[in-house]
Amino acid sequence: MWLRNFKKAIILKEFETLNQLIDEMPAMESLSQMEEAAYLLHHAKTILESEQSATLNSIQQLKNTIDFLKSTENIPVSSFNLKL
């Protein structure tokens, strides 16, 4: 049951579910289940690292865009007009 839910979470990229399932990982009953769980955990780690890299790239692009917009912003020159 756990392996099936973990596979589903990997396929659907449900990161909260993956985290919850890892926290609740039961003892495996056979060597084949242990090997499958190890493979799936490695695959989940690879997916999470990939998503993290994509997120960091998106944040950097947004930062660059904000910096560009700030540099091209037309700031009006303030002046004092004092009449005596």
PDB file of N, CA and C in Angstrom:
ATOM      1  N   MET A   1       0.823  -1.194   0.000  1.00  0.00           N
ATOM      2  CA  MET A   1       0.000   0.000   0.000  1.00  0.00           C
ATOM      3  C   MET A   1       0.873   1.266   0.000  1.00  0.00           C
ATOM      4  N   TRP A   2       1.893   1.293   0.881  1.00  0.00           N
ATOM      5  CA  TRP A   2       2.769   2.447   0.970  1.00  0.00           C
ATOM      6  C   TRP A   2       3.509   2.672  -0.341  1.00  0.00           C
ATOM      7  N   LEU A   3       4.026   1.578  -0.925  1.00  0.00           N
ATOM      8  CA  LEU A   3       4.765   1.700  -2.183  1.00  0.00           C
ATOM      9  C   LEU A   3       3.866   2.243  -3.292  1.00  0.00           C
ATOM     10  N   ARG A   4       2.634   1.774  -3.338  1.00  0.00           N
ATOM     11  CA  ARG A   4       1.698   2.242  -4.366  1.00  0.00           C
ATOM     12  C   ARG A   4       1.413   3.727  -4.199  1.00  0.00           C
ATOM     13  N   ASN A   5       1.189   4.162  -2.966  1.00  0.00           N
ATOM     14  CA  ASN A   5       0.931   5.586  -2.698  1.00  0.00           C
ATOM     15  C   ASN A   5       2.162   6.436  -3.002  1.00  0.00           C
ATOM     16  N   PHE A   6       3.350   5.890  -2.711  1.00  0.00           N
ATOM     17  CA  PHE A   6       4.579   6.622  -2.985  1.00  0.00           C
ATOM     18  C   PHE A   6       4.787   6.775  -4.488  1.00  0.00           C
ATOM     19  N   LYS A   7       4.534   5.716  -5.241  1.00  0.00           N
ATOM     20  CA  LYS A   7       4.641   5.786  -6.706  1.00  0.00           C
ATOM     21  C   LYS A   7       3.680   6.836  -7.259  1.00  0.00           C
ATOM     22  N   LYS A   8       2.466   6.827  -6.760  1.00  0.00           N
ATOM     23  CA  LYS A   8       1.452   7.788  -7.203  1.00  0.00           C
ATOM     24  C   LYS A   8       1.904   9.223  -6.918  1.00  0.00           C
ATOM     25  N   ALA A   9       2.450   9.453  -5.731  1.00  0.00           N
ATOM     26  CA  ALA A   9       2.908  10.796  -5.367  1.00  0.00           C
ATOM     27  C   ALA A   9       4.070  11.236  -6.250  1.00  0.00           C
ATOM     28  N   ILE A  10       4.954  10.310  -6.618  1.00  0.00           N
ATOM     29  CA  ILE A  10       6.061  10.640  -7.508  1.00  0.00           C
ATOM     30  C   ILE A  10       5.539  11.015  -8.888  1.00  0.00           C
ATOM     31  N   ILE A  11       4.639  10.213  -9.411  1.00  0.00           N
ATOM     32  CA  ILE A  11       4.095  10.458 -10.745  1.00  0.00           C
ATOM     33  C   ILE A  11       3.377  11.803 -10.806  1.00  0.00           C
ATOM     34  N   LEU A  12       2.587  12.101  -9.769  1.00  0.00           N
ATOM     35  CA  LEU A  12       1.813  13.346  -9.754  1.00  0.00           C
ATOM     36  C   LEU A  12       2.607  14.533  -9.192  1.00  0.00           C
ATOM     37  N   LYS A  13       3.840  14.269  -8.774  1.00  0.00           N
ATOM     38  CA  LYS A  13       4.703  15.294  -8.185  1.00  0.00           C
ATOM     39  C   LYS A  13       4.007  16.015  -7.029  1.00  0.00           C
ATOM     40  N   GLU A  14       3.457  15.219  -6.139  1.00  0.00           N
ATOM     41  CA  GLU A  14       2.805  15.735  -4.935  1.00  0.00           C
ATOM     42  C   GLU A  14       3.845  15.738  -3.819  1.00  0.00           C
ATOM     43  N   PHE A  15       4.547  16.847  -3.685  1.00  0.00           N
ATOM     44  CA  PHE A  15       5.687  16.909  -2.778  1.00  0.00           C
ATOM     45  C   PHE A  15       5.284  16.835  -1.313  1.00  0.00           C
ATOM     46  N   GLU A  16       4.154  17.387  -0.954  1.00  0.00           N
ATOM     47  CA  GLU A  16       3.689  17.291   0.435  1.00  0.00           C
ATOM     48  C   GLU A  16       3.363  15.843   0.784  1.00  0.00           C
ATOM     49  N   THR A  17       2.740  15.143  -0.142  1.00  0.00           N
ATOM     50  CA  THR A  17       2.416  13.734   0.081  1.00  0.00           C
ATOM     51  C   THR A  17       3.686  12.903   0.187  1.00  0.00           C
ATOM     52  N   LEU A  18       4.671  13.199  -0.671  1.00  0.00           N
ATOM     53  CA  LEU A  18       5.954  12.490  -0.587  1.00  0.00           C
ATOM     54  C   LEU A  18       6.580  12.679   0.790  1.00  0.00           C
ATOM     55  N   ASN A  19       6.589  13.901   1.255  1.00  0.00           N
ATOM     56  CA  ASN A  19       7.162  14.200   2.562  1.00  0.00           C
ATOM     57  C   ASN A  19       6.440  13.427   3.666  1.00  0.00           C
ATOM     58  N   GLN A  20       5.132  13.422   3.599  1.00  0.00           N
ATOM     59  CA  GLN A  20       4.338  12.710   4.601  1.00  0.00           C
ATOM     60  C   GLN A  20       4.609  11.205   4.545  1.00  0.00           C
ATOM     61  N   LEU A  21       4.665  10.654   3.339  1.00  0.00           N
ATOM     62  CA  LEU A  21       4.908   9.216   3.195  1.00  0.00           C
ATOM     63  C   LEU A  21       6.311   8.835   3.677  1.00  0.00           C
ATOM     64  N   ILE A  22       7.286   9.695   3.433  1.00  0.00           N
ATOM     65  CA  ILE A  22       8.639   9.405   3.917  1.00  0.00           C
ATOM     66  C   ILE A  22       8.652   9.391   5.442  1.00  0.00           C
ATOM     67  N   ASP A  23       7.935  10.341   6.050  1.00  0.00           N
ATOM     68  CA  ASP A  23       7.862  10.375   7.511  1.00  0.00           C
ATOM     69  C   ASP A  23       7.180   9.136   8.080  1.00  0.00           C
ATOM     70  N   GLU A  24       6.238   8.575   7.339  1.00  0.00           N
ATOM     71  CA  GLU A  24       5.457   7.431   7.819  1.00  0.00           C
ATOM     72  C   GLU A  24       5.903   6.106   7.186  1.00  0.00           C
ATOM     73  N   MET A  25       7.133   6.042   6.711  1.00  0.00           N
ATOM     74  CA  MET A  25       7.606   4.855   5.998  1.00  0.00           C
ATOM     75  C   MET A  25       7.587   3.631   6.911  1.00  0.00           C
ATOM     76  N   PRO A  26       6.856   2.583   6.501  1.00  0.00           N
ATOM     77  CA  PRO A  26       6.785   1.374   7.337  1.00  0.00           C
ATOM     78  C   PRO A  26       8.002   0.474   7.098  1.00  0.00           C
ATOM     79  N   ALA A  27       8.141  -0.533   7.928  1.00  0.00           N
ATOM     80  CA  ALA A  27       9.179  -1.540   7.720  1.00  0.00           C
ATOM     81  C   ALA A  27       8.769  -2.404   6.529  1.00  0.00           C
ATOM     82  N   MET A  28       9.709  -2.651   5.640  1.00  0.00           N
ATOM     83  CA  MET A  28       9.411  -3.458   4.453  1.00  0.00           C
ATOM     84  C   MET A  28       9.476  -4.941   4.822  1.00  0.00           C
ATOM     85  N   GLU A  29       8.636  -5.718   4.157  1.00  0.00           N
ATOM     86  CA  GLU A  29       8.510  -7.127   4.513  1.00  0.00           C
ATOM     87  C   GLU A  29       9.477  -8.033   3.758  1.00  0.00           C
ATOM     88  N   SER A  30       9.931  -7.583   2.595  1.00  0.00           N
ATOM     89  CA  SER A  30      10.814  -8.444   1.809  1.00  0.00           C
ATOM     90  C   SER A  30      11.949  -7.621   1.211  1.00  0.00           C
ATOM     91  N   LEU A  31      12.948  -8.324   0.741  1.00  0.00           N
ATOM     92  CA  LEU A  31      14.095  -7.674   0.118  1.00  0.00           C
ATOM     93  C   LEU A  31      13.679  -6.927  -1.147  1.00  0.00           C
ATOM     94  N   SER A  32      12.767  -7.510  -1.902  1.00  0.00           N
ATOM     95  CA  SER A  32      12.327  -6.844  -3.140  1.00  0.00           C
ATOM     96  C   SER A  32      11.595  -5.539  -2.829  1.00  0.00           C
ATOM     97  N   GLN A  33      10.815  -5.508  -1.762  1.00  0.00           N
ATOM     98  CA  GLN A  33      10.149  -4.271  -1.358  1.00  0.00           C
ATOM     99  C   GLN A  33      11.169  -3.220  -0.914  1.00  0.00           C
ATOM    100  N   MET A  34      12.194  -3.670  -0.203  1.00  0.00           N
ATOM    101  CA  MET A  34      13.250  -2.751   0.231  1.00  0.00           C
ATOM    102  C   MET A  34      13.981  -2.153  -0.967  1.00  0.00           C
ATOM    103  N   GLU A  35      14.282  -2.991  -1.951  1.00  0.00           N
ATOM    104  CA  GLU A  35      14.968  -2.510  -3.150  1.00  0.00           C
ATOM    105  C   GLU A  35      14.089  -1.534  -3.922  1.00  0.00           C
ATOM    106  N   GLU A  36      12.816  -1.853  -4.041  1.00  0.00           N
ATOM    107  CA  GLU A  36      11.887  -0.971  -4.741  1.00  0.00           C
ATOM    108  C   GLU A  36      11.751   0.362  -4.002  1.00  0.00           C
ATOM    109  N   ALA A  37      11.660   0.313  -2.685  1.00  0.00           N
ATOM    110  CA  ALA A  37      11.562   1.537  -1.893  1.00  0.00           C
ATOM    111  C   ALA A  37      12.828   2.375  -2.043  1.00  0.00           C
ATOM    112  N   ALA A  38      13.993   1.723  -2.039  1.00  0.00           N
ATOM    113  CA  ALA A  38      15.257   2.452  -2.199  1.00  0.00           C
ATOM    114  C   ALA A  38      15.317   3.127  -3.565  1.00  0.00           C
ATOM    115  N   TYR A  39      14.899   2.410  -4.607  1.00  0.00           N
ATOM    116  CA  TYR A  39      14.882   2.991  -5.950  1.00  0.00           C
ATOM    117  C   TYR A  39      13.923   4.177  -6.015  1.00  0.00           C
ATOM    118  N   LEU A  40      12.742   4.024  -5.434  1.00  0.00           N
ATOM    119  CA  LEU A  40      11.750   5.096  -5.461  1.00  0.00           C
ATOM    120  C   LEU A  40      12.217   6.312  -4.650  1.00  0.00           C
ATOM    121  N   LEU A  41      12.856   6.070  -3.526  1.00  0.00           N
ATOM    122  CA  LEU A  41      13.389   7.180  -2.724  1.00  0.00           C
ATOM    123  C   LEU A  41      14.470   7.932  -3.495  1.00  0.00           C
ATOM    124  N   HIS A  42      15.321   7.194  -4.191  1.00  0.00           N
ATOM    125  CA  HIS A  42      16.351   7.841  -5.006  1.00  0.00           C
ATOM    126  C   HIS A  42      15.714   8.667  -6.125  1.00  0.00           C
ATOM    127  N   HIS A  43      14.698   8.102  -6.751  1.00  0.00           N
ATOM    128  CA  HIS A  43      13.990   8.810  -7.826  1.00  0.00           C
ATOM    129  C   HIS A  43      13.296  10.065  -7.284  1.00  0.00           C
ATOM    130  N   ALA A  44      12.684   9.960  -6.127  1.00  0.00           N
ATOM    131  CA  ALA A  44      12.018  11.112  -5.507  1.00  0.00           C
ATOM    132  C   ALA A  44      13.037  12.202  -5.197  1.00  0.00           C
ATOM    133  N   LYS A  45      14.206  11.813  -4.708  1.00  0.00           N
ATOM    134  CA  LYS A  45      15.268  12.785  -4.415  1.00  0.00           C
ATOM    135  C   LYS A  45      15.688  13.503  -5.694  1.00  0.00           C
ATOM    136  N   THR A  46      15.833  12.773  -6.773  1.00  0.00           N
ATOM    137  CA  THR A  46      16.219  13.369  -8.051  1.00  0.00           C
ATOM    138  C   THR A  46      15.164  14.368  -8.526  1.00  0.00           C
ATOM    139  N   ILE A  47      13.906  14.006  -8.397  1.00  0.00           N
ATOM    140  CA  ILE A  47      12.815  14.904  -8.800  1.00  0.00           C
ATOM    141  C   ILE A  47      12.811  16.163  -7.937  1.00  0.00           C
ATOM    142  N   LEU A  48      12.971  16.000  -6.635  1.00  0.00           N
ATOM    143  CA  LEU A  48      12.978  17.155  -5.735  1.00  0.00           C
ATOM    144  C   LEU A  48      14.149  18.091  -6.029  1.00  0.00           C
ATOM    145  N   GLU A  49      15.309  17.537  -6.309  1.00  0.00           N
ATOM    146  CA  GLU A  49      16.470  18.371  -6.652  1.00  0.00           C
ATOM    147  C   GLU A  49      16.231  19.110  -7.966  1.00  0.00           C
ATOM    148  N   SER A  50      15.607  18.442  -8.917  1.00  0.00           N
ATOM    149  CA  SER A  50      15.295  19.068 -10.197  1.00  0.00           C
ATOM    150  C   SER A  50      14.309  20.220 -10.024  1.00  0.00           C
ATOM    151  N   GLU A  51      13.278  19.991  -9.228  1.00  0.00           N
ATOM    152  CA  GLU A  51      12.289  21.035  -8.966  1.00  0.00           C
ATOM    153  C   GLU A  51      12.908  22.208  -8.209  1.00  0.00           C
ATOM    154  N   GLN A  52      13.790  21.903  -7.278  1.00  0.00           N
ATOM    155  CA  GLN A  52      14.467  22.957  -6.520  1.00  0.00           C
ATOM    156  C   GLN A  52      15.316  23.812  -7.458  1.00  0.00           C
ATOM    157  N   SER A  53      16.019  23.168  -8.363  1.00  0.00           N
ATOM    158  CA  SER A  53      16.845  23.896  -9.323  1.00  0.00           C
ATOM    159  C   SER A  53      15.989  24.780 -10.223  1.00  0.00           C
ATOM    160  N   ALA A  54      14.861  24.252 -10.677  1.00  0.00           N
ATOM    161  CA  ALA A  54      13.956  25.036 -11.529  1.00  0.00           C
ATOM    162  C   ALA A  54      13.385  26.226 -10.764  1.00  0.00           C
ATOM    163  N   THR A  55      13.054  26.012  -9.497  1.00  0.00           N
ATOM    164  CA  THR A  55      12.521  27.096  -8.674  1.00  0.00           C
ATOM    165  C   THR A  55      13.561  28.189  -8.466  1.00  0.00           C
ATOM    166  N   LEU A  56      14.795  27.793  -8.168  1.00  0.00           N
ATOM    167  CA  LEU A  56      15.863  28.774  -7.987  1.00  0.00           C
ATOM    168  C   LEU A  56      16.116  29.559  -9.276  1.00  0.00           C
ATOM    169  N   ASN A  57      16.035  28.878 -10.403  1.00  0.00           N
ATOM    170  CA  ASN A  57      16.207  29.537 -11.701  1.00  0.00           C
ATOM    171  C   ASN A  57      15.086  30.555 -11.930  1.00  0.00           C
ATOM    172  N   SER A  58      13.863  30.189 -11.611  1.00  0.00           N
ATOM    173  CA  SER A  58      12.726  31.102 -11.765  1.00  0.00           C
ATOM    174  C   SER A  58      12.865  32.319 -10.867  1.00  0.00           C
ATOM    175  N   ILE A  59      13.310  32.098  -9.637  1.00  0.00           N
ATOM    176  CA  ILE A  59      13.507  33.212  -8.703  1.00  0.00           C
ATOM    177  C   ILE A  59      14.581  34.160  -9.230  1.00  0.00           C
ATOM    178  N   GLN A  60      15.660  33.607  -9.772  1.00  0.00           N
ATOM    179  CA  GLN A  60      16.735  34.439 -10.317  1.00  0.00           C
ATOM    180  C   GLN A  60      16.237  35.247 -11.513  1.00  0.00           C
ATOM    181  N   GLN A  61      15.423  34.634 -12.367  1.00  0.00           N
ATOM    182  CA  GLN A  61      14.870  35.353 -13.511  1.00  0.00           C
ATOM    183  C   GLN A  61      13.960  36.493 -13.051  1.00  0.00           C
ATOM    184  N   LEU A  62      13.143  36.236 -12.037  1.00  0.00           N
ATOM    185  CA  LEU A  62      12.278  37.285 -11.504  1.00  0.00           C
ATOM    186  C   LEU A  62      13.096  38.422 -10.901  1.00  0.00           C
ATOM    187  N   LYS A  63      14.155  38.071 -10.186  1.00  0.00           N
ATOM    188  CA  LYS A  63      15.025  39.094  -9.602  1.00  0.00           C
ATOM    189  C   LYS A  63      15.661  39.942 -10.698  1.00  0.00           C
ATOM    190  N   ASN A  64      16.142  39.300 -11.752  1.00  0.00           N
ATOM    191  CA  ASN A  64      16.735  40.038 -12.872  1.00  0.00           C
ATOM    192  C   ASN A  64      15.714  40.958 -13.538  1.00  0.00           C
ATOM    193  N   THR A  65      14.496  40.491 -13.693  1.00  0.00           N
ATOM    194  CA  THR A  65      13.440  41.313 -14.296  1.00  0.00           C
ATOM    195  C   THR A  65      13.128  42.511 -13.417  1.00  0.00           C
ATOM    196  N   ILE A  66      13.027  42.295 -12.115  1.00  0.00           N
ATOM    197  CA  ILE A  66      12.758  43.398 -11.188  1.00  0.00           C
ATOM    198  C   ILE A  66      13.893  44.417 -11.225  1.00  0.00           C
ATOM    199  N   ASP A  67      15.128  43.927 -11.239  1.00  0.00           N
ATOM    200  CA  ASP A  67      16.275  44.839 -11.314  1.00  0.00           C
ATOM    201  C   ASP A  67      16.245  45.651 -12.609  1.00  0.00           C
ATOM    202  N   PHE A  68      15.896  45.005 -13.713  1.00  0.00           N
ATOM    203  CA  PHE A  68      15.809  45.712 -14.988  1.00  0.00           C
ATOM    204  C   PHE A  68      14.713  46.775 -14.950  1.00  0.00           C
ATOM    205  N   LEU A  69      13.557  46.417 -14.433  1.00  0.00           N
ATOM    206  CA  LEU A  69      12.458  47.374 -14.363  1.00  0.00           C
ATOM    207  C   LEU A  69      12.811  48.556 -13.467  1.00  0.00           C
ATOM    208  N   LYS A  70      13.492  48.287 -12.385  1.00  0.00           N
ATOM    209  CA  LYS A  70      13.912  49.377 -11.499  1.00  0.00           C
ATOM    210  C   LYS A  70      14.913  50.290 -12.191  1.00  0.00           C
ATOM    211  N   SER A  71      15.800  49.720 -12.993  1.00  0.00           N
ATOM    212  CA  SER A  71      16.820  50.534 -13.652  1.00  0.00           C
ATOM    213  C   SER A  71      16.238  51.383 -14.780  1.00  0.00           C
ATOM    214  N   THR A  72      15.114  50.964 -15.345  1.00  0.00           N
ATOM    215  CA  THR A  72      14.509  51.736 -16.432  1.00  0.00           C
ATOM    216  C   THR A  72      13.365  52.618 -15.953  1.00  0.00           C
ATOM    217  N   GLU A  73      13.133  52.623 -14.663  1.00  0.00           N
ATOM    218  CA  GLU A  73      12.049  53.411 -14.106  1.00  0.00           C
ATOM    219  C   GLU A  73      12.355  54.901 -14.269  1.00  0.00           C
ATOM    220  N   ASN A  74      11.353  55.635 -14.692  1.00  0.00           N
ATOM    221  CA  ASN A  74      11.505  57.066 -14.895  1.00  0.00           C
ATOM    222  C   ASN A  74      11.179  57.773 -13.583  1.00  0.00           C
ATOM    223  N   ILE A  75      12.219  58.234 -12.918  1.00  0.00           N
ATOM    224  CA  ILE A  75      12.039  58.912 -11.632  1.00  0.00           C
ATOM    225  C   ILE A  75      11.996  60.415 -11.898  1.00  0.00           C
ATOM    226  N   PRO A  76      10.893  61.034 -11.563  1.00  0.00           N
ATOM    227  CA  PRO A  76      10.793  62.484 -11.820  1.00  0.00           C
ATOM    228  C   PRO A  76      11.768  63.249 -10.922  1.00  0.00           C
ATOM    229  N   VAL A  77      12.334  64.294 -11.495  1.00  0.00           N
ATOM    230  CA  VAL A  77      13.277  65.112 -10.749  1.00  0.00           C
ATOM    231  C   VAL A  77      12.464  66.049  -9.851  1.00  0.00           C
ATOM    232  N   SER A  78      12.756  66.013  -8.596  1.00  0.00           N
ATOM    233  CA  SER A  78      12.028  66.881  -7.692  1.00  0.00           C
ATOM    234  C   SER A  78      12.720  68.233  -7.662  1.00  0.00           C
ATOM    235  N   SER A  79      11.923  69.258  -7.608  1.00  0.00           N
ATOM    236  CA  SER A  79      12.506  70.584  -7.544  1.00  0.00           C
ATOM    237  C   SER A  79      11.660  71.457  -6.609  1.00  0.00           C
ATOM    238  N   PHE A  80      12.319  72.402  -6.046  1.00  0.00           N
ATOM    239  CA  PHE A  80      11.623  73.368  -5.175  1.00  0.00           C
ATOM    240  C   PHE A  80      11.474  74.669  -5.957  1.00  0.00           C
ATOM    241  N   ASN A  81      10.304  75.191  -5.910  1.00  0.00           N
ATOM    242  CA  ASN A  81      10.050  76.459  -6.570  1.00  0.00           C
ATOM    243  C   ASN A  81       9.704  77.470  -5.482  1.00  0.00           C
ATOM    244  N   LEU A  82      10.706  78.201  -5.069  1.00  0.00           N
ATOM    245  CA  LEU A  82      10.520  79.153  -3.982  1.00  0.00           C
ATOM    246  C   LEU A  82      10.369  80.554  -4.563  1.00  0.00           C
ATOM    247  N   LYS A  83       9.262  81.180  -4.278  1.00  0.00           N
ATOM    248  CA  LYS A  83       9.038  82.544  -4.735  1.00  0.00           C
ATOM    249  C   LYS A  83       8.987  83.432  -3.508  1.00  0.00           C
ATOM    250  N   LEU A  84       9.827  84.422  -3.513  1.00  0.00           N
ATOM    251  CA  LEU A  84       9.857  85.345  -2.387  1.00  0.00           C
ATOM    252  C   LEU A  84       9.262  86.665  -2.747  1.00  0.00           C
TER     253      LEU A  84
END
